[in-house]
Amino acid sequence: MAKTVKKCGKKCYGCGRRPVFSIHSIYCRICDRLAFRMKERRFPPEAVKAVWEYIRAYDYRCFYTKMLLEMDDIKSPWFCVFDHLIPLDSRRIVLTSALINEMKTALSVREFWYFVLQLADLIVKGKSIKKIRLAHWRQQYAGEKQQGGAGEICLAQPKWKGKHKKCCQCGKPVFTLRSKYCLRCSRFNHRMEIKGFSPEAMEEIRLHIRTNGYVCALTGLPLEMDDYRSPWYCVFNYLTPGDHSKVVLTCALFNEMKTDLSIKEFWYYIRQLANYFRHGTKIRKKELVYWYRLTPQELYLKSLRD
């Protein structure tokens, strides 16, 4: 039988609300697990101190939305995680939910709320999104350079006779007599083939390009086709996570913000976040159908199977 610990009246050093779980400990059980996680991440002392001060003031609530955080179920979208207030700067760590942490991606706080409001105005009022320069976006998508990304391919169209032959996808001159695509579309189709999309999905993407050009299907923004480190670089997105039958084009930034949400769930939380920022309206949680995070043990087993 497990030994019961007598109540000693000693309060937790971390939250200051709950009793310690052992006479030899300075933390309650929840704070003890959080302290261990911070120790594993090797956060600087000033960052750890700021986290404890925030918990004593607000308890375990999201820094950005003030929603109560889940402390036990690591697969929950509301599970308590750490976020760098300024990307890659470990001197200032805040608590947030796994979902908000994924949506914030490599944005500063100002940039995050800017794009949340821009997306909300797009879906509610139909206003076009205005791009801004992102100070901390340095993401490099693994494999894009080898899979037909920007890489070191010459972007200049070669000079040859027969310029009247047009690309069957975008209408620009093809880059060789034997090709039916221009250089840009040839590289793009190579990426689709490597991804292994179904012929139906690939044909829908080509139809979108013929009709609208290389623009984001979610926002209508023109996409960057060369610089794979740009937040506006053209990537593929599954409208329904895990469903390969419906693939659309979007930019890297909004692909990261959409994370493992369906399109309906994504727009729902964009509107909820915008209302919270503007009016202080409490965010209503909604069950996420496709949200699923593997535990470290499950990730290890999956790597063995793969």
Protein backbone atom coordinates (compact mmCIF):
# COMPACT_ATOMS: atom_id res chain seq x y z
CA MET A 1 0.00 0.00 0.00
CA ALA A 2 1.10 3.52 -0.75
CA LYS A 3 2.01 5.54 2.31
CA THR A 4 -0.22 8.48 3.06
CA VAL A 5 1.48 11.78 3.78
CA LYS A 6 0.22 13.65 6.79
CA LYS A 7 -0.97 17.16 6.16
CA CYS A 8 1.68 19.55 7.41
CA GLY A 9 0.01 22.80 6.32
CA LYS A 10 2.99 23.69 4.15
CA LYS A 11 2.02 25.51 0.94
CA CYS A 12 3.57 24.89 -2.45
CA TYR A 13 6.46 27.20 -3.34
CA GLY A 14 5.36 27.24 -6.99
CA CYS A 15 1.66 28.14 -6.98
CA GLY A 16 1.27 29.16 -3.33
CA ARG A 17 -2.24 27.65 -3.31
CA ARG A 18 -2.02 23.88 -2.94
CA PRO A 19 -0.35 21.90 -0.14
CA VAL A 20 2.92 20.15 -0.88
CA PHE A 21 2.58 16.47 -1.78
CA SER A 22 5.40 15.39 0.55
CA ILE A 23 6.99 16.78 3.69
CA HIS A 24 10.32 16.56 1.88
CA SER A 25 9.12 18.58 -1.11
CA ILE A 26 8.55 22.31 -1.66
CA TYR A 27 6.03 21.74 -4.48
CA CYS A 28 2.56 20.34 -4.92
CA ARG A 29 2.29 17.44 -7.35
CA ILE A 30 1.36 19.66 -10.34
CA CYS A 31 4.13 22.20 -9.74
CA ASP A 32 6.66 19.44 -9.10
CA ARG A 33 6.06 18.04 -12.60
CA LEU A 34 6.31 21.52 -14.11
CA ALA A 35 9.55 22.23 -12.23
CA PHE A 36 11.00 18.98 -13.58
CA ARG A 37 10.02 19.96 -17.14
CA MET A 38 11.69 23.37 -16.77
CA LYS A 39 14.81 21.73 -15.37
CA GLU A 40 14.94 19.36 -18.35
CA ARG A 41 14.63 22.28 -20.77
CA ARG A 42 17.43 24.12 -18.93
CA PHE A 43 15.69 27.46 -18.82
CA PRO A 44 17.74 30.31 -17.30
CA PRO A 45 16.98 31.17 -13.64
CA GLU A 46 15.35 34.51 -14.50
CA ALA A 47 12.94 32.78 -16.90
CA VAL A 48 12.01 30.16 -14.30
CA LYS A 49 11.46 32.85 -11.69
CA ALA A 50 9.14 34.76 -14.05
CA VAL A 51 7.11 31.58 -14.68
CA TRP A 52 6.59 30.98 -10.95
CA GLU A 53 5.58 34.62 -10.41
CA TYR A 54 3.01 34.32 -13.20
CA ILE A 55 1.59 31.08 -11.73
CA ARG A 56 1.26 32.64 -8.27
CA ALA A 57 -0.64 35.57 -9.78
CA TYR A 58 -2.87 33.80 -12.33
CA ASP A 59 -2.59 30.06 -11.57
CA TYR A 60 -2.19 27.74 -14.57
CA ARG A 61 -3.71 29.93 -17.25
CA CYS A 62 -2.65 30.69 -20.80
CA PHE A 63 -0.55 33.85 -21.02
CA TYR A 64 -2.24 34.92 -24.28
CA THR A 65 -5.88 33.96 -23.67
CA LYS A 66 -6.18 33.42 -19.88
CA MET A 67 -7.83 30.03 -20.46
CA LEU A 68 -7.31 27.34 -17.83
CA LEU A 69 -4.67 24.86 -18.98
CA GLU A 70 -4.75 21.07 -18.89
CA MET A 71 -1.96 19.72 -16.68
CA ASP A 72 -2.38 15.95 -17.04
CA ASP A 73 -3.51 14.93 -20.54
CA ILE A 74 -0.51 15.59 -22.81
CA LYS A 75 -2.61 14.80 -25.91
CA SER A 76 -5.06 17.60 -25.17
CA PRO A 77 -4.91 20.79 -27.30
CA TRP A 78 -5.12 22.68 -23.99
CA PHE A 79 -2.14 20.96 -22.40
CA CYS A 80 0.24 23.39 -20.68
CA VAL A 81 3.39 24.02 -22.73
CA PHE A 82 6.17 26.61 -22.73
CA ASP A 83 6.44 29.31 -25.36
CA HIS A 84 9.20 31.79 -26.12
CA LEU A 85 7.66 35.24 -26.01
CA ILE A 86 10.28 36.26 -28.58
CA PRO A 87 11.15 33.28 -30.83
CA LEU A 88 14.42 31.57 -29.88
CA ASP A 89 14.93 33.90 -26.90
CA SER A 90 14.88 31.70 -23.79
CA ARG A 91 15.13 34.65 -21.40
CA ARG A 92 11.35 35.12 -21.43
CA ILE A 93 9.22 31.97 -21.18
CA VAL A 94 5.44 31.98 -20.81
CA LEU A 95 2.77 29.32 -20.36
CA THR A 96 0.24 28.63 -23.07
CA SER A 97 -1.77 25.76 -24.52
CA ALA A 98 -0.41 23.38 -27.13
CA LEU A 99 -2.93 24.69 -29.68
CA ILE A 100 -2.05 28.38 -29.24
CA ASN A 101 1.65 27.50 -29.22
CA GLU A 102 1.24 25.76 -32.60
CA MET A 103 -0.77 28.65 -34.04
CA LYS A 104 1.73 31.26 -32.84
CA THR A 105 4.56 29.31 -34.57
CA ALA A 106 7.70 31.51 -35.14
CA LEU A 107 5.92 34.84 -34.64
CA SER A 108 6.40 37.51 -32.03
CA VAL A 109 3.37 38.44 -29.92
CA ARG A 110 2.67 41.55 -32.01
CA GLU A 111 2.95 39.61 -35.27
CA PHE A 112 0.72 36.82 -33.96
CA TRP A 113 -2.15 39.13 -32.99
CA TYR A 114 -1.70 41.13 -36.20
CA PHE A 115 -2.31 38.09 -38.40
CA VAL A 116 -5.12 36.79 -36.19
CA LEU A 117 -6.95 40.10 -36.67
CA GLN A 118 -6.12 40.19 -40.39
CA LEU A 119 -7.49 36.66 -40.88
CA ALA A 120 -10.61 37.49 -38.85
CA ASP A 121 -11.28 40.59 -40.96
CA LEU A 122 -10.82 38.49 -44.09
CA ILE A 123 -13.40 35.88 -43.11
CA VAL A 124 -15.89 38.32 -41.54
CA LYS A 125 -15.55 41.50 -43.59
CA GLY A 126 -13.78 40.24 -46.72
CA LYS A 127 -10.79 42.58 -46.25
CA SER A 128 -7.58 41.58 -47.99
CA ILE A 129 -4.57 40.67 -45.86
CA LYS A 130 -1.62 43.05 -45.75
CA LYS A 131 1.77 41.41 -45.52
CA ILE A 132 4.33 42.66 -43.03
CA ARG A 133 7.96 41.75 -42.61
CA LEU A 134 8.43 39.01 -40.00
CA ALA A 135 11.43 39.65 -37.80
CA HIS A 136 11.98 36.11 -36.50
CA TRP A 137 10.82 33.86 -39.33
CA ARG A 138 13.79 31.69 -40.23
CA GLN A 139 12.14 28.33 -40.77
CA GLN A 140 13.68 26.02 -43.35
CA TYR A 141 11.38 23.26 -44.49
CA ALA A 142 13.32 20.01 -44.48
CA GLY A 143 13.68 18.46 -47.87
CA GLU A 144 12.29 21.37 -49.90
CA LYS A 145 15.72 22.12 -51.39
CA GLN A 146 16.14 18.53 -52.50
CA GLN A 147 12.48 18.10 -53.49
CA GLY A 148 12.27 20.80 -56.10
CA GLY A 149 12.40 23.82 -53.80
CA ALA A 150 14.37 26.94 -54.57
CA GLY A 151 17.76 25.28 -54.24
CA GLU A 152 20.38 26.28 -56.77
CA ILE A 153 18.28 25.92 -59.93
CA CYS A 154 18.72 28.73 -62.43
CA LEU A 155 15.45 30.66 -62.65
CA ALA A 156 16.16 32.30 -66.02
CA GLN A 157 14.18 30.96 -68.97
CA PRO A 158 16.59 29.53 -71.61
CA LYS A 159 16.56 31.14 -75.03
CA TRP A 160 15.44 28.87 -77.84
CA LYS A 161 13.32 29.05 -80.95
CA GLY A 162 9.65 28.21 -80.69
CA LYS A 163 8.60 30.52 -77.85
CA HIS A 164 5.02 30.21 -79.02
CA LYS A 165 4.67 26.92 -77.11
CA LYS A 166 2.96 27.69 -73.81
CA CYS A 167 2.97 25.93 -70.45
CA CYS A 168 -0.19 23.84 -70.08
CA GLN A 169 -0.51 24.92 -66.43
CA CYS A 170 0.17 28.66 -66.22
CA GLY A 171 0.47 29.78 -69.87
CA LYS A 172 4.11 30.94 -69.73
CA PRO A 173 6.66 29.74 -72.33
CA VAL A 174 7.90 26.19 -71.74
CA PHE A 175 11.59 25.83 -70.90
CA THR A 176 12.43 23.00 -73.35
CA LEU A 177 10.87 21.76 -76.55
CA ARG A 178 10.18 18.38 -75.00
CA SER A 179 8.47 19.80 -71.92
CA LYS A 180 4.87 20.85 -71.50
CA TYR A 181 5.65 23.04 -68.46
CA CYS A 182 7.58 26.22 -67.79
CA LEU A 183 10.50 25.96 -65.37
CA ARG A 184 8.44 27.05 -62.35
CA CYS A 185 5.57 24.64 -63.06
CA SER A 186 7.99 21.82 -63.81
CA ARG A 187 9.58 22.17 -60.39
CA PHE A 188 6.16 22.50 -58.78
CA ASN A 189 4.84 19.31 -60.41
CA HIS A 190 8.01 17.50 -59.31
CA ARG A 191 7.18 18.43 -55.73
CA MET A 192 3.64 17.05 -56.10
CA GLU A 193 4.96 13.77 -57.49
CA ILE A 194 7.38 13.39 -54.58
CA LYS A 195 4.54 14.03 -52.12
CA GLY A 196 2.62 11.14 -53.71
CA PHE A 197 -0.70 12.93 -54.17
CA SER A 198 -3.49 11.11 -55.96
CA PRO A 199 -4.11 12.02 -59.63
CA GLU A 200 -7.46 13.58 -58.65
CA ALA A 201 -5.87 15.81 -56.01
CA MET A 202 -3.10 16.86 -58.41
CA GLU A 203 -5.63 17.72 -61.11
CA GLU A 204 -7.62 19.90 -58.67
CA ILE A 205 -4.44 21.78 -57.77
CA ARG A 206 -3.60 22.29 -61.46
CA LEU A 207 -7.15 23.55 -62.08
CA HIS A 208 -6.72 26.05 -59.24
CA ILE A 209 -3.46 27.29 -60.79
CA ARG A 210 -4.98 27.63 -64.27
CA THR A 211 -7.91 29.58 -62.84
CA ASN A 212 -6.28 31.73 -60.16
CA GLY A 213 -2.53 31.34 -60.57
CA TYR A 214 -0.20 30.57 -57.67
CA VAL A 215 -2.31 32.13 -54.92
CA CYS A 216 -3.23 30.91 -51.42
CA ALA A 217 -6.52 29.00 -51.43
CA LEU A 218 -7.31 30.21 -47.88
CA THR A 219 -6.55 33.92 -48.24
CA GLY A 220 -6.02 34.74 -51.93
CA LEU A 221 -2.49 36.05 -51.31
CA PRO A 222 0.10 35.57 -54.09
CA LEU A 223 2.60 32.86 -53.14
CA GLU A 224 6.39 32.88 -53.25
CA MET A 225 7.68 30.12 -55.52
CA ASP A 226 11.46 30.51 -55.19
CA ASP A 227 12.54 31.46 -51.65
CA TYR A 228 11.64 28.43 -49.55
CA ARG A 229 12.57 30.29 -46.33
CA SER A 230 9.93 32.93 -46.93
CA PRO A 231 6.73 32.85 -44.81
CA TRP A 232 4.84 33.24 -48.10
CA TYR A 233 6.45 30.22 -49.76
CA CYS A 234 3.98 27.95 -51.55
CA VAL A 235 3.24 24.74 -49.61
CA PHE A 236 0.52 22.09 -49.62
CA ASN A 237 -2.18 21.87 -46.99
CA TYR A 238 -4.78 19.21 -46.25
CA LEU A 239 -8.13 20.92 -45.68
CA THR A 240 -9.05 17.97 -43.46
CA PRO A 241 -5.99 16.68 -41.55
CA GLY A 242 -5.00 13.24 -42.76
CA ASP A 243 -7.33 13.33 -45.77
CA HIS A 244 -5.13 13.31 -48.89
CA SER A 245 -8.07 13.61 -51.26
CA LYS A 246 -8.41 17.38 -50.74
CA VAL A 247 -5.12 19.27 -50.99
CA VAL A 248 -4.87 23.04 -51.50
CA LEU A 249 -2.10 25.59 -51.88
CA THR A 250 -1.30 27.99 -49.07
CA CYS A 251 1.68 29.87 -47.70
CA ALA A 252 4.07 28.42 -45.13
CA LEU A 253 2.91 30.84 -42.43
CA PHE A 254 -0.80 30.03 -42.61
CA ASN A 255 -0.02 26.34 -43.03
CA GLU A 256 1.79 26.49 -39.69
CA MET A 257 -1.02 28.48 -38.06
CA LYS A 258 -3.68 26.05 -39.25
CA THR A 259 -1.75 23.16 -37.65
CA ASP A 260 -3.91 20.01 -37.08
CA LEU A 261 -7.23 21.82 -37.44
CA SER A 262 -9.91 21.34 -40.02
CA ILE A 263 -10.71 24.46 -42.04
CA LYS A 264 -13.90 25.00 -40.02
CA GLU A 265 -12.06 24.68 -36.70
CA PHE A 266 -9.31 27.01 -37.90
CA TRP A 267 -11.68 29.85 -38.80
CA TYR A 268 -13.65 29.27 -35.58
CA TYR A 269 -10.59 29.83 -33.37
CA ILE A 270 -9.37 32.75 -35.46
CA ARG A 271 -12.68 34.51 -34.79
CA GLN A 272 -12.59 33.53 -31.11
CA LEU A 273 -9.05 34.88 -30.68
CA ALA A 274 -9.90 38.11 -32.51
CA ASN A 275 -12.98 38.66 -30.29
CA TYR A 276 -10.88 38.03 -27.19
CA PHE A 277 -8.21 40.51 -28.28
CA ARG A 278 -10.66 43.25 -29.26
CA HIS A 279 -13.45 42.85 -26.72
CA GLY A 280 -12.07 40.56 -24.01
CA THR A 281 -14.69 37.93 -24.85
CA LYS A 282 -14.01 34.61 -23.17
CA ILE A 283 -12.87 31.94 -25.61
CA ARG A 284 -15.20 28.97 -25.86
CA LYS A 285 -13.39 25.68 -26.20
CA LYS A 286 -14.52 23.37 -28.95
CA GLU A 287 -13.72 19.69 -29.26
CA LEU A 288 -11.13 19.19 -31.98
CA VAL A 289 -11.86 16.18 -34.14
CA TYR A 290 -8.43 15.77 -35.73
CA TRP A 291 -6.13 16.96 -32.95
CA TYR A 292 -3.81 14.20 -31.85
CA ARG A 293 -0.33 14.39 -30.39
CA LEU A 294 1.85 11.32 -29.95
CA THR A 295 3.59 10.75 -26.65
CA PRO A 296 7.42 10.34 -26.72
CA GLN A 297 6.95 6.57 -26.26
CA GLU A 298 4.47 6.41 -29.17
CA LEU A 299 6.81 8.45 -31.36
CA TYR A 300 9.61 6.00 -30.60
CA LEU A 301 7.43 2.99 -31.43
CA LYS A 302 6.24 4.68 -34.61
CA SER A 303 9.85 5.27 -35.69
CA LEU A 304 10.60 1.57 -35.15
CA ARG A 305 7.61 0.56 -37.27
CA ASP A 306 8.54 3.02 -40.04
